[in-house]
């Protein structure tokens, strides 16, 4: 066994505190360097040995990374989510390294640079009915990798747990929930593999979505080097992998050794890959509370599941130019509430575009002299289209009027040595 010393954030403030802190971080990248500090109380957690029955193991996985979210202005006094995202689904876009100024390492003499390599995920909220295309009435968002994974992994672990609980009930011939038409072969195979990962030489990659200490006991090759393990973007940004790092913030990749070799187990990405799938969307619709399968999420009166509430509240938002309905930016504009997120939406959109259109290299450097062919796609808003239409009509009208004036002028008739003009009414 490899003992792990796990640092876990106990509370997170996501509205006027965490979201605004993320905005400040993004603004510093688009313009000049600024300070981004995240205050979090942490405690050292030591993973305990997995116990039977299998259901208990699944429940431990699901609640291993639960946070206490504070939504501030995202909920009303009854605890209902203010923004109806129930008809939308999350669609992963890209994971990208960005090298940027960090106040913490600037004050730390152990670092040779004041720049930290941070990781961001760009995703969209697309209409569920057209999530595959997602070319209109959507919103685009950016969040730090760990925050994105914390929200989505918890939701996906609950999906697996609920599926296996349903499978267990439906396939128990002596139980009250037995269903002879249920596909027991498929679900049993999936759930058994999930429950017996370690016995089969695997470990759930979603257990390492939070940067944590990774120690190898009695390994002379490391010479007492402290390693850390956590998520990282793949070089092309299409996946989120688990790997080793040389610092406690998981900013500096450690490439001399392989995480799987040190663990003696291979990573299973069954849960984690659902957070970065390029073909599947994750619905924000709250599940029906059949046998308390949604962990009492329906105790509120909104139809948005907690996963989407969490990720939406902590993300920086670019919504106006994409036309999403019922979103934070739209409602605050209509209410003339120009708070920080609304006022800085342009900067967020600019930052997201820089990530999507490859303005950064795989190492997080700004691609100033990069010779890659970058395609810039610009979209026009409905207001811009209306103005262009009015201008086009005006130009045509002026052309017609000038033609009429030309005809009138040609009616000027010369007489003898002089010219007399006939007034044309």
Foldseek 3Di string as FASTA:
>chain_A
DWKWWFKAFAADEQAPPQQVLVLLCLLCQLPNADERDGDTDIDTDTDDDDDDDLLVNLVCQLCVHDYDYDQVPQADPQRDGQFALQQWWKAWAFKAWAWGAYPVVVPPPVDPDRIFTFMKTKIKTAGNVPVLVRQFQIWIWMDGQLLLLSLQLSVLSLVLSLLLVLLVQCCPPPHPNHDPPDPNVVNVVVSVCVSCVVVVQEDEQSVAQDKTWTDQPPDVVCVPQIKIKHWDADQGGQFIGIFIARDSRRRHGDDPDTPCVRVRGHYDCPSVVVSRDNRDIGGQFADDCDVPSLVPQVPDPHGGRRSCSSVLSNIQIQRQQRNHPRDDLVVCVVVVNCDDSNVCNVSRVVSVQCVNQVCAGSSNHGPPPDPDDTDDDDDDHPVRVVVVVVVVVVVVVVVVVVVVVVVQVVQFDQDDPGTDGDDDD
